[in-house]
Amino acid sequence: MKTTHYSFACLLCILLTSCAYKDEPTYNNSKGEKFCSLHHQRLISDNGFAQSPEVCILPTDEYTAIAATFPNHNSDLAEQKSELYTLPVKYSYCQSCRDDLSKKLKN
């Protein structure tokens, strides 16, 4: 009976731990550099622009589902300032995530 309780407790711990695990879009190497978890490529840092708070552009469900598979694309930011993108930001992205998202959206 004790072994059954022990086994059950171990199984419960494993299940709870696995439920708490969240796959992160990036990881840091031993030098502190950020990498894309999907492509294992170092992220590129750049200056760009985010949407102003007055602007609200809602993506379609289809776009959201496709973009979620490429976690480091940052296509919601712009490289150039415009009427919609006015807030300067520093951001990081994975070139492969951007390229793959672009290819997938063209299909």
PDB file of N, CA and C in Angstrom:
ATOM      1  N   MET A   1       0.814  -1.187   0.000  1.00  0.00           N
ATOM      2  CA  MET A   1       0.000   0.000   0.000  1.00  0.00           C
ATOM      3  C   MET A   1       0.869   1.267   0.000  1.00  0.00           C
ATOM      4  N   LYS A   2       2.000   1.212   0.770  1.00  0.00           N
ATOM      5  CA  LYS A   2       2.889   2.364   0.808  1.00  0.00           C
ATOM      6  C   LYS A   2       3.491   2.645  -0.567  1.00  0.00           C
ATOM      7  N   THR A   3       3.867   1.584  -1.261  1.00  0.00           N
ATOM      8  CA  THR A   3       4.444   1.774  -2.601  1.00  0.00           C
ATOM      9  C   THR A   3       3.426   2.373  -3.555  1.00  0.00           C
ATOM     10  N   THR A   4       2.175   2.034  -3.408  1.00  0.00           N
ATOM     11  CA  THR A   4       1.136   2.600  -4.266  1.00  0.00           C
ATOM     12  C   THR A   4       1.012   4.100  -4.024  1.00  0.00           C
ATOM     13  N   HIS A   5       1.031   4.506  -2.770  1.00  0.00           N
ATOM     14  CA  HIS A   5       0.948   5.929  -2.446  1.00  0.00           C
ATOM     15  C   HIS A   5       2.190   6.670  -2.956  1.00  0.00           C
ATOM     16  N   TYR A   6       3.338   6.040  -2.771  1.00  0.00           N
ATOM     17  CA  TYR A   6       4.589   6.643  -3.235  1.00  0.00           C
ATOM     18  C   TYR A   6       4.578   6.789  -4.750  1.00  0.00           C
ATOM     19  N   SER A   7       4.161   5.751  -5.448  1.00  0.00           N
ATOM     20  CA  SER A   7       4.091   5.794  -6.913  1.00  0.00           C
ATOM     21  C   SER A   7       3.109   6.854  -7.378  1.00  0.00           C
ATOM     22  N   PHE A   8       1.966   6.920  -6.712  1.00  0.00           N
ATOM     23  CA  PHE A   8       0.965   7.917  -7.068  1.00  0.00           C
ATOM     24  C   PHE A   8       1.503   9.327  -6.842  1.00  0.00           C
ATOM     25  N   ALA A   9       2.203   9.546  -5.734  1.00  0.00           N
ATOM     26  CA  ALA A   9       2.768  10.864  -5.426  1.00  0.00           C
ATOM     27  C   ALA A   9       3.817  11.259  -6.473  1.00  0.00           C
ATOM     28  N   CYS A  10       4.647  10.308  -6.869  1.00  0.00           N
ATOM     29  CA  CYS A  10       5.657  10.584  -7.898  1.00  0.00           C
ATOM     30  C   CYS A  10       5.003  10.922  -9.236  1.00  0.00           C
ATOM     31  N   LEU A  11       4.003  10.156  -9.608  1.00  0.00           N
ATOM     32  CA  LEU A  11       3.291  10.398 -10.862  1.00  0.00           C
ATOM     33  C   LEU A  11       2.621  11.765 -10.844  1.00  0.00           C
ATOM     34  N   LEU A  12       2.014  12.103  -9.723  1.00  0.00           N
ATOM     35  CA  LEU A  12       1.360  13.395  -9.588  1.00  0.00           C
ATOM     36  C   LEU A  12       2.369  14.533  -9.730  1.00  0.00           C
ATOM     37  N   CYS A  13       3.527  14.398  -9.116  1.00  0.00           N
ATOM     38  CA  CYS A  13       4.575  15.423  -9.227  1.00  0.00           C
ATOM     39  C   CYS A  13       5.032  15.597 -10.673  1.00  0.00           C
ATOM     40  N   ILE A  14       5.216  14.497 -11.362  1.00  0.00           N
ATOM     41  CA  ILE A  14       5.641  14.548 -12.754  1.00  0.00           C
ATOM     42  C   ILE A  14       4.582  15.235 -13.608  1.00  0.00           C
ATOM     43  N   LEU A  15       3.340  14.879 -13.423  1.00  0.00           N
ATOM     44  CA  LEU A  15       2.261  15.488 -14.202  1.00  0.00           C
ATOM     45  C   LEU A  15       2.137  16.982 -13.934  1.00  0.00           C
ATOM     46  N   LEU A  16       2.216  17.365 -12.678  1.00  0.00           N
ATOM     47  CA  LEU A  16       2.113  18.784 -12.341  1.00  0.00           C
ATOM     48  C   LEU A  16       3.291  19.571 -12.883  1.00  0.00           C
ATOM     49  N   THR A  17       4.473  19.007 -12.836  1.00  0.00           N
ATOM     50  CA  THR A  17       5.657  19.668 -13.368  1.00  0.00           C
ATOM     51  C   THR A  17       5.554  19.819 -14.870  1.00  0.00           C
ATOM     52  N   SER A  18       5.082  18.795 -15.563  1.00  0.00           N
ATOM     53  CA  SER A  18       4.988  18.874 -17.022  1.00  0.00           C
ATOM     54  C   SER A  18       3.929  19.862 -17.446  1.00  0.00           C
ATOM     55  N   CYS A  19       2.874  20.029 -16.649  1.00  0.00           N
ATOM     56  CA  CYS A  19       1.839  21.014 -16.972  1.00  0.00           C
ATOM     57  C   CYS A  19       2.364  22.431 -16.782  1.00  0.00           C
ATOM     58  N   ALA A  20       3.264  22.610 -15.850  1.00  0.00           N
ATOM     59  CA  ALA A  20       3.798  23.939 -15.574  1.00  0.00           C
ATOM     60  C   ALA A  20       4.853  24.360 -16.594  1.00  0.00           C
ATOM     61  N   TYR A  21       5.397  23.419 -17.345  1.00  0.00           N
ATOM     62  CA  TYR A  21       6.442  23.735 -18.315  1.00  0.00           C
ATOM     63  C   TYR A  21       5.866  24.559 -19.452  1.00  0.00           C
ATOM     64  N   LYS A  22       6.549  25.627 -19.809  1.00  0.00           N
ATOM     65  CA  LYS A  22       6.115  26.481 -20.908  1.00  0.00           C
ATOM     66  C   LYS A  22       7.283  26.606 -21.873  1.00  0.00           C
ATOM     67  N   ASP A  23       7.045  26.278 -23.112  1.00  0.00           N
ATOM     68  CA  ASP A  23       8.081  26.372 -24.126  1.00  0.00           C
ATOM     69  C   ASP A  23       8.349  27.844 -24.414  1.00  0.00           C
ATOM     70  N   GLU A  24       9.548  28.284 -24.161  1.00  0.00           N
ATOM     71  CA  GLU A  24       9.913  29.686 -24.351  1.00  0.00           C
ATOM     72  C   GLU A  24      10.351  29.930 -25.792  1.00  0.00           C
ATOM     73  N   PRO A  25      10.063  31.107 -26.362  1.00  0.00           N
ATOM     74  CA  PRO A  25      10.456  31.401 -27.740  1.00  0.00           C
ATOM     75  C   PRO A  25      11.956  31.652 -27.903  1.00  0.00           C
ATOM     76  N   THR A  26      12.639  31.975 -26.793  1.00  0.00           N
ATOM     77  CA  THR A  26      14.078  32.245 -26.865  1.00  0.00           C
ATOM     78  C   THR A  26      14.799  31.569 -25.706  1.00  0.00           C
ATOM     79  N   TYR A  27      16.100  31.467 -25.864  1.00  0.00           N
ATOM     80  CA  TYR A  27      16.954  31.002 -24.773  1.00  0.00           C
ATOM     81  C   TYR A  27      18.277  31.753 -24.858  1.00  0.00           C
ATOM     82  N   ASN A  28      19.002  31.777 -23.757  1.00  0.00           N
ATOM     83  CA  ASN A  28      20.310  32.437 -23.711  1.00  0.00           C
ATOM     84  C   ASN A  28      21.404  31.387 -23.674  1.00  0.00           C
ATOM     85  N   ASN A  29      22.484  31.641 -24.421  1.00  0.00           N
ATOM     86  CA  ASN A  29      23.628  30.735 -24.333  1.00  0.00           C
ATOM     87  C   ASN A  29      24.488  31.141 -23.145  1.00  0.00           C
ATOM     88  N   SER A  30      25.603  30.489 -22.972  1.00  0.00           N
ATOM     89  CA  SER A  30      26.456  30.746 -21.800  1.00  0.00           C
ATOM     90  C   SER A  30      27.050  32.154 -21.810  1.00  0.00           C
ATOM     91  N   LYS A  31      27.100  32.788 -22.991  1.00  0.00           N
ATOM     92  CA  LYS A  31      27.619  34.160 -23.093  1.00  0.00           C
ATOM     93  C   LYS A  31      26.521  35.197 -22.899  1.00  0.00           C
ATOM     94  N   GLY A  32      25.284  34.746 -22.719  1.00  0.00           N
ATOM     95  CA  GLY A  32      24.168  35.670 -22.527  1.00  0.00           C
ATOM     96  C   GLY A  32      23.504  36.123 -23.817  1.00  0.00           C
ATOM     97  N   GLU A  33      23.909  35.546 -24.949  1.00  0.00           N
ATOM     98  CA  GLU A  33      23.305  35.917 -26.230  1.00  0.00           C
ATOM     99  C   GLU A  33      21.962  35.209 -26.367  1.00  0.00           C
ATOM    100  N   LYS A  34      20.979  35.917 -26.939  1.00  0.00           N
ATOM    101  CA  LYS A  34      19.640  35.349 -27.115  1.00  0.00           C
ATOM    102  C   LYS A  34      19.544  34.612 -28.438  1.00  0.00           C
ATOM    103  N   PHE A  35      18.917  33.420 -28.381  1.00  0.00           N
ATOM    104  CA  PHE A  35      18.741  32.586 -29.563  1.00  0.00           C
ATOM    105  C   PHE A  35      17.272  32.222 -29.740  1.00  0.00           C
ATOM    106  N   CYS A  36      16.872  31.990 -30.988  1.00  0.00           N
ATOM    107  CA  CYS A  36      15.533  31.520 -31.309  1.00  0.00           C
ATOM    108  C   CYS A  36      15.439  30.043 -30.939  1.00  0.00           C
ATOM    109  N   SER A  37      14.436  29.680 -30.162  1.00  0.00           N
ATOM    110  CA  SER A  37      14.265  28.284 -29.754  1.00  0.00           C
ATOM    111  C   SER A  37      13.865  27.391 -30.923  1.00  0.00           C
ATOM    112  N   LEU A  38      13.218  27.954 -31.928  1.00  0.00           N
ATOM    113  CA  LEU A  38      12.773  27.176 -33.075  1.00  0.00           C
ATOM    114  C   LEU A  38      13.910  26.903 -34.053  1.00  0.00           C
ATOM    115  N   HIS A  39      14.683  27.934 -34.402  1.00  0.00           N
ATOM    116  CA  HIS A  39      15.728  27.802 -35.423  1.00  0.00           C
ATOM    117  C   HIS A  39      17.143  27.717 -34.862  1.00  0.00           C
ATOM    118  N   HIS A  40      17.303  27.949 -33.572  1.00  0.00           N
ATOM    119  CA  HIS A  40      18.615  27.914 -32.916  1.00  0.00           C
ATOM    120  C   HIS A  40      19.594  28.891 -33.564  1.00  0.00           C
ATOM    121  N   GLN A  41      19.071  30.044 -33.949  1.00  0.00           N
ATOM    122  CA  GLN A  41      19.893  31.111 -34.519  1.00  0.00           C
ATOM    123  C   GLN A  41      19.890  32.302 -33.571  1.00  0.00           C
ATOM    124  N   ARG A  42      21.025  33.008 -33.548  1.00  0.00           N
ATOM    125  CA  ARG A  42      21.115  34.187 -32.685  1.00  0.00           C
ATOM    126  C   ARG A  42      20.144  35.251 -33.193  1.00  0.00           C
ATOM    127  N   LEU A  43      19.436  35.892 -32.261  1.00  0.00           N
ATOM    128  CA  LEU A  43      18.488  36.931 -32.633  1.00  0.00           C
ATOM    129  C   LEU A  43      19.228  38.185 -33.071  1.00  0.00           C
ATOM    130  N   ILE A  44      18.641  38.887 -34.018  1.00  0.00           N
ATOM    131  CA  ILE A  44      19.182  40.141 -34.523  1.00  0.00           C
ATOM    132  C   ILE A  44      18.485  41.272 -33.780  1.00  0.00           C
ATOM    133  N   SER A  45      19.258  42.199 -33.226  1.00  0.00           N
ATOM    134  CA  SER A  45      18.677  43.361 -32.537  1.00  0.00           C
ATOM    135  C   SER A  45      18.700  44.547 -33.484  1.00  0.00           C
ATOM    136  N   ASP A  46      17.624  45.329 -33.440  1.00  0.00           N
ATOM    137  CA  ASP A  46      17.493  46.460 -34.359  1.00  0.00           C
ATOM    138  C   ASP A  46      16.619  47.531 -33.722  1.00  0.00           C
ATOM    139  N   ASN A  47      16.684  48.715 -34.283  1.00  0.00           N
ATOM    140  CA  ASN A  47      15.789  49.798 -33.877  1.00  0.00           C
ATOM    141  C   ASN A  47      14.617  49.824 -34.845  1.00  0.00           C
ATOM    142  N   GLY A  48      13.438  50.085 -34.324  1.00  0.00           N
ATOM    143  CA  GLY A  48      12.263  50.146 -35.180  1.00  0.00           C
ATOM    144  C   GLY A  48      11.186  50.980 -34.524  1.00  0.00           C
ATOM    145  N   PHE A  49       9.952  50.747 -34.967  1.00  0.00           N
ATOM    146  CA  PHE A  49       8.834  51.539 -34.480  1.00  0.00           C
ATOM    147  C   PHE A  49       7.636  50.644 -34.194  1.00  0.00           C
ATOM    148  N   ALA A  50       6.947  50.954 -33.098  1.00  0.00           N
ATOM    149  CA  ALA A  50       5.731  50.240 -32.718  1.00  0.00           C
ATOM    150  C   ALA A  50       4.530  51.131 -33.015  1.00  0.00           C
ATOM    151  N   GLN A  51       3.356  50.521 -33.014  1.00  0.00           N
ATOM    152  CA  GLN A  51       2.129  51.276 -33.264  1.00  0.00           C
ATOM    153  C   GLN A  51       1.886  52.268 -32.136  1.00  0.00           C
ATOM    154  N   SER A  52       1.347  53.411 -32.512  1.00  0.00           N
ATOM    155  CA  SER A  52       0.981  54.384 -31.488  1.00  0.00           C
ATOM    156  C   SER A  52      -0.234  53.865 -30.735  1.00  0.00           C
ATOM    157  N   PRO A  53      -0.453  54.307 -29.502  1.00  0.00           N
ATOM    158  CA  PRO A  53      -1.573  53.794 -28.712  1.00  0.00           C
ATOM    159  C   PRO A  53      -2.950  54.099 -29.311  1.00  0.00           C
ATOM    160  N   GLU A  54      -3.033  55.099 -30.160  1.00  0.00           N
ATOM    161  CA  GLU A  54      -4.310  55.459 -30.773  1.00  0.00           C
ATOM    162  C   GLU A  54      -4.718  54.494 -31.881  1.00  0.00           C
ATOM    163  N   VAL A  55      -3.782  53.671 -32.343  1.00  0.00           N
ATOM    164  CA  VAL A  55      -4.037  52.767 -33.455  1.00  0.00           C
ATOM    165  C   VAL A  55      -4.312  51.363 -32.929  1.00  0.00           C
ATOM    166  N   CYS A  56      -5.319  50.718 -33.504  1.00  0.00           N
ATOM    167  CA  CYS A  56      -5.634  49.338 -33.128  1.00  0.00           C
ATOM    168  C   CYS A  56      -5.871  48.544 -34.414  1.00  0.00           C
ATOM    169  N   ILE A  57      -4.914  47.710 -34.760  1.00  0.00           N
ATOM    170  CA  ILE A  57      -5.044  46.859 -35.942  1.00  0.00           C
ATOM    171  C   ILE A  57      -5.171  45.428 -35.446  1.00  0.00           C
ATOM    172  N   LEU A  58      -6.322  44.824 -35.664  1.00  0.00           N
ATOM    173  CA  LEU A  58      -6.563  43.462 -35.194  1.00  0.00           C
ATOM    174  C   LEU A  58      -6.262  42.470 -36.308  1.00  0.00           C
ATOM    175  N   PRO A  59      -5.395  41.494 -36.035  1.00  0.00           N
ATOM    176  CA  PRO A  59      -5.086  40.483 -37.052  1.00  0.00           C
ATOM    177  C   PRO A  59      -6.229  39.481 -37.191  1.00  0.00           C
ATOM    178  N   THR A  60      -6.279  38.820 -38.335  1.00  0.00           N
ATOM    179  CA  THR A  60      -7.280  37.776 -38.534  1.00  0.00           C
ATOM    180  C   THR A  60      -6.891  36.544 -37.720  1.00  0.00           C
ATOM    181  N   ASP A  61      -7.851  35.674 -37.493  1.00  0.00           N
ATOM    182  CA  ASP A  61      -7.573  34.432 -36.764  1.00  0.00           C
ATOM    183  C   ASP A  61      -6.575  33.571 -37.525  1.00  0.00           C
ATOM    184  N   GLU A  62      -6.679  33.564 -38.851  1.00  0.00           N
ATOM    185  CA  GLU A  62      -5.772  32.772 -39.682  1.00  0.00           C
ATOM    186  C   GLU A  62      -4.334  33.273 -39.528  1.00  0.00           C
ATOM    187  N   TYR A  63      -4.143  34.594 -39.593  1.00  0.00           N
ATOM    188  CA  TYR A  63      -2.808  35.166 -39.433  1.00  0.00           C
ATOM    189  C   TYR A  63      -2.251  34.842 -38.046  1.00  0.00           C
ATOM    190  N   THR A  64      -3.077  34.997 -37.022  1.00  0.00           N
ATOM    191  CA  THR A  64      -2.637  34.729 -35.652  1.00  0.00           C
ATOM    192  C   THR A  64      -2.168  33.293 -35.488  1.00  0.00           C
ATOM    193  N   ALA A  65      -2.897  32.360 -36.083  1.00  0.00           N
ATOM    194  CA  ALA A  65      -2.533  30.941 -35.982  1.00  0.00           C
ATOM    195  C   ALA A  65      -1.209  30.665 -36.700  1.00  0.00           C
ATOM    196  N   ILE A  66      -1.025  31.247 -37.870  1.00  0.00           N
ATOM    197  CA  ILE A  66       0.218  31.038 -38.626  1.00  0.00           C
ATOM    198  C   ILE A  66       1.389  31.709 -37.906  1.00  0.00           C
ATOM    199  N   ALA A  67       1.210  32.939 -37.476  1.00  0.00           N
ATOM    200  CA  ALA A  67       2.294  33.690 -36.826  1.00  0.00           C
ATOM    201  C   ALA A  67       2.733  33.048 -35.515  1.00  0.00           C
ATOM    202  N   ALA A  68       1.830  32.364 -34.840  1.00  0.00           N
ATOM    203  CA  ALA A  68       2.171  31.720 -33.563  1.00  0.00           C
ATOM    204  C   ALA A  68       3.197  30.612 -33.733  1.00  0.00           C
ATOM    205  N   THR A  69       3.302  30.058 -34.932  1.00  0.00           N
ATOM    206  CA  THR A  69       4.277  28.979 -35.157  1.00  0.00           C
ATOM    207  C   THR A  69       5.691  29.514 -35.386  1.00  0.00           C
ATOM    208  N   PHE A  70       5.819  30.823 -35.551  1.00  0.00           N
ATOM    209  CA  PHE A  70       7.131  31.458 -35.738  1.00  0.00           C
ATOM    210  C   PHE A  70       7.283  32.534 -34.669  1.00  0.00           C
ATOM    211  N   PRO A  71       7.753  32.160 -33.484  1.00  0.00           N
ATOM    212  CA  PRO A  71       7.661  33.025 -32.301  1.00  0.00           C
ATOM    213  C   PRO A  71       8.487  34.301 -32.317  1.00  0.00           C
ATOM    214  N   ASN A  72       9.479  34.396 -33.163  1.00  0.00           N
ATOM    215  CA  ASN A  72      10.371  35.566 -33.120  1.00  0.00           C
ATOM    216  C   ASN A  72      10.364  36.369 -34.418  1.00  0.00           C
ATOM    217  N   HIS A  73       9.208  36.504 -35.024  1.00  0.00           N
ATOM    218  CA  HIS A  73       9.117  37.241 -36.287  1.00  0.00           C
ATOM    219  C   HIS A  73       9.000  38.740 -36.078  1.00  0.00           C
ATOM    220  N   ASN A  74       8.279  39.164 -35.048  1.00  0.00           N
ATOM    221  CA  ASN A  74       8.056  40.579 -34.720  1.00  0.00           C
ATOM    222  C   ASN A  74       7.531  41.383 -35.907  1.00  0.00           C
ATOM    223  N   SER A  75       6.597  40.816 -36.665  1.00  0.00           N
ATOM    224  CA  SER A  75       6.031  41.525 -37.808  1.00  0.00           C
ATOM    225  C   SER A  75       5.052  42.612 -37.388  1.00  0.00           C
ATOM    226  N   ASP A  76       4.787  42.729 -36.090  1.00  0.00           N
ATOM    227  CA  ASP A  76       3.914  43.800 -35.617  1.00  0.00           C
ATOM    228  C   ASP A  76       4.685  45.101 -35.395  1.00  0.00           C
ATOM    229  N   LEU A  77       5.969  45.100 -35.752  1.00  0.00           N
ATOM    230  CA  LEU A  77       6.809  46.290 -35.662  1.00  0.00           C
ATOM    231  C   LEU A  77       7.247  46.701 -37.064  1.00  0.00           C
ATOM    232  N   ALA A  78       7.618  47.961 -37.215  1.00  0.00           N
ATOM    233  CA  ALA A  78       8.054  48.461 -38.518  1.00  0.00           C
ATOM    234  C   ALA A  78       9.491  48.966 -38.429  1.00  0.00           C
ATOM    235  N   GLU A  79      10.208  48.843 -39.527  1.00  0.00           N
ATOM    236  CA  GLU A  79      11.585  49.332 -39.562  1.00  0.00           C
ATOM    237  C   GLU A  79      11.630  50.839 -39.779  1.00  0.00           C
ATOM    238  N   GLN A  80      10.616  51.370 -40.451  1.00  0.00           N
ATOM    239  CA  GLN A  80      10.559  52.796 -40.763  1.00  0.00           C
ATOM    240  C   GLN A  80       9.399  53.460 -40.026  1.00  0.00           C
ATOM    241  N   LYS A  81       9.572  54.708 -39.644  1.00  0.00           N
ATOM    242  CA  LYS A  81       8.512  55.460 -38.995  1.00  0.00           C
ATOM    243  C   LYS A  81       7.434  55.795 -40.021  1.00  0.00           C
ATOM    244  N   SER A  82       6.181  55.727 -39.598  1.00  0.00           N
ATOM    245  CA  SER A  82       5.063  56.058 -40.481  1.00  0.00           C
ATOM    246  C   SER A  82       3.933  56.651 -39.639  1.00  0.00           C
ATOM    247  N   GLU A  83       2.799  56.906 -40.262  1.00  0.00           N
ATOM    248  CA  GLU A  83       1.657  57.447 -39.517  1.00  0.00           C
ATOM    249  C   GLU A  83       1.170  56.473 -38.451  1.00  0.00           C
ATOM    250  N   LEU A  84       1.212  55.176 -38.757  1.00  0.00           N
ATOM    251  CA  LEU A  84       0.739  54.158 -37.817  1.00  0.00           C
ATOM    252  C   LEU A  84       1.801  53.744 -36.811  1.00  0.00           C
ATOM    253  N   TYR A  85       3.045  53.704 -37.243  1.00  0.00           N
ATOM    254  CA  TYR A  85       4.147  53.240 -36.395  1.00  0.00           C
ATOM    255  C   TYR A  85       5.011  54.444 -36.006  1.00  0.00           C
ATOM    256  N   THR A  86       4.781  54.942 -34.794  1.00  0.00           N
ATOM    257  CA  THR A  86       5.428  56.186 -34.390  1.00  0.00           C
ATOM    258  C   THR A  86       6.318  56.068 -33.157  1.00  0.00           C
ATOM    259  N   LEU A  87       6.177  54.986 -32.403  1.00  0.00           N
ATOM    260  CA  LEU A  87       6.936  54.858 -31.158  1.00  0.00           C
ATOM    261  C   LEU A  87       8.266  54.140 -31.376  1.00  0.00           C
ATOM    262  N   PRO A  88       9.388  54.811 -31.133  1.00  0.00           N
ATOM    263  CA  PRO A  88      10.686  54.151 -31.308  1.00  0.00           C
ATOM    264  C   PRO A  88      10.880  53.027 -30.283  1.00  0.00           C
ATOM    265  N   VAL A  89      11.335  51.873 -30.753  1.00  0.00           N
ATOM    266  CA  VAL A  89      11.593  50.721 -29.881  1.00  0.00           C
ATOM    267  C   VAL A  89      12.851  50.000 -30.341  1.00  0.00           C
ATOM    268  N   LYS A  90      13.480  49.309 -29.406  1.00  0.00           N
ATOM    269  CA  LYS A  90      14.584  48.395 -29.717  1.00  0.00           C
ATOM    270  C   LYS A  90      13.982  47.006 -29.651  1.00  0.00           C
ATOM    271  N   TYR A  91      14.173  46.188 -30.680  1.00  0.00           N
ATOM    272  CA  TYR A  91      13.574  44.859 -30.699  1.00  0.00           C
ATOM    273  C   TYR A  91      14.534  43.838 -31.271  1.00  0.00           C
ATOM    274  N   SER A  92      14.223  42.578 -31.042  1.00  0.00           N
ATOM    275  CA  SER A  92      15.025  41.466 -31.545  1.00  0.00           C
ATOM    276  C   SER A  92      14.137  40.551 -32.363  1.00  0.00           C
ATOM    277  N   TYR A  93      14.721  39.928 -33.369  1.00  0.00           N
ATOM    278  CA  TYR A  93      13.962  39.008 -34.210  1.00  0.00           C
ATOM    279  C   TYR A  93      14.873  37.935 -34.777  1.00  0.00           C
ATOM    280  N   CYS A  94      14.254  36.860 -35.260  1.00  0.00           N
ATOM    281  CA  CYS A  94      14.955  35.778 -35.927  1.00  0.00           C
ATOM    282  C   CYS A  94      14.669  35.898 -37.419  1.00  0.00           C
ATOM    283  N   GLN A  95      15.699  35.999 -38.221  1.00  0.00           N
ATOM    284  CA  GLN A  95      15.511  36.165 -39.657  1.00  0.00           C
ATOM    285  C   GLN A  95      14.790  34.966 -40.259  1.00  0.00           C
ATOM    286  N   SER A  96      15.062  33.775 -39.772  1.00  0.00           N
ATOM    287  CA  SER A  96      14.384  32.580 -40.289  1.00  0.00           C
ATOM    288  C   SER A  96      12.898  32.599 -39.954  1.00  0.00           C
ATOM    289  N   CYS A  97      12.553  33.055 -38.747  1.00  0.00           N
ATOM    290  CA  CYS A  97      11.127  33.173 -38.388  1.00  0.00           C
ATOM    291  C   CYS A  97      10.437  34.148 -39.338  1.00  0.00           C
ATOM    292  N   ARG A  98      11.081  35.272 -39.623  1.00  0.00           N
ATOM    293  CA  ARG A  98      10.497  36.251 -40.549  1.00  0.00           C
ATOM    294  C   ARG A  98      10.328  35.656 -41.937  1.00  0.00           C
ATOM    295  N   ASP A  99      11.382  34.993 -42.440  1.00  0.00           N
ATOM    296  CA  ASP A  99      11.330  34.417 -43.785  1.00  0.00           C
ATOM    297  C   ASP A  99      10.269  33.321 -43.877  1.00  0.00           C
ATOM    298  N   ASP A 100      10.225  32.451 -42.876  1.00  0.00           N
ATOM    299  CA  ASP A 100       9.254  31.351 -42.879  1.00  0.00           C
ATOM    300  C   ASP A 100       7.821  31.869 -42.797  1.00  0.00           C
ATOM    301  N   LEU A 101       7.598  32.890 -41.973  1.00  0.00           N
ATOM    302  CA  LEU A 101       6.261  33.472 -41.868  1.00  0.00           C
ATOM    303  C   LEU A 101       5.850  34.080 -43.200  1.00  0.00           C
ATOM    304  N   SER A 102       6.767  34.791 -43.816  1.00  0.00           N
ATOM    305  CA  SER A 102       6.474  35.419 -45.109  1.00  0.00           C
ATOM    306  C   SER A 102       6.115  34.362 -46.167  1.00  0.00           C
ATOM    307  N   LYS A 103       6.884  33.276 -46.221  1.00  0.00           N
ATOM    308  CA  LYS A 103       6.603  32.185 -47.182  1.00  0.00           C
ATOM    309  C   LYS A 103       5.246  31.562 -46.919  1.00  0.00           C
ATOM    310  N   LYS A 104       4.956  31.313 -45.642  1.00  0.00           N
ATOM    311  CA  LYS A 104       3.695  30.663 -45.258  1.00  0.00           C
ATOM    312  C   LYS A 104       2.499  31.552 -45.618  1.00  0.00           C
ATOM    313  N   LEU A 105       2.638  32.858 -45.435  1.00  0.00           N
ATOM    314  CA  LEU A 105       1.538  33.774 -45.728  1.00  0.00           C
ATOM    315  C   LEU A 105       1.293  33.897 -47.235  1.00  0.00           C
ATOM    316  N   LYS A 106       2.323  33.671 -48.047  1.00  0.00           N
ATOM    317  CA  LYS A 106       2.175  33.750 -49.495  1.00  0.00           C
ATOM    318  C   LYS A 106       1.432  32.534 -50.054  1.00  0.00           C
ATOM    319  N   ASN A 107       1.472  31.413 -49.331  1.00  0.00           N
ATOM    320  CA  ASN A 107       0.799  30.181 -49.804  1.00  0.00           C
ATOM    321  C   ASN A 107      -0.680  30.248 -49.669  1.00  0.00           C
TER     322      ASN A 107
END
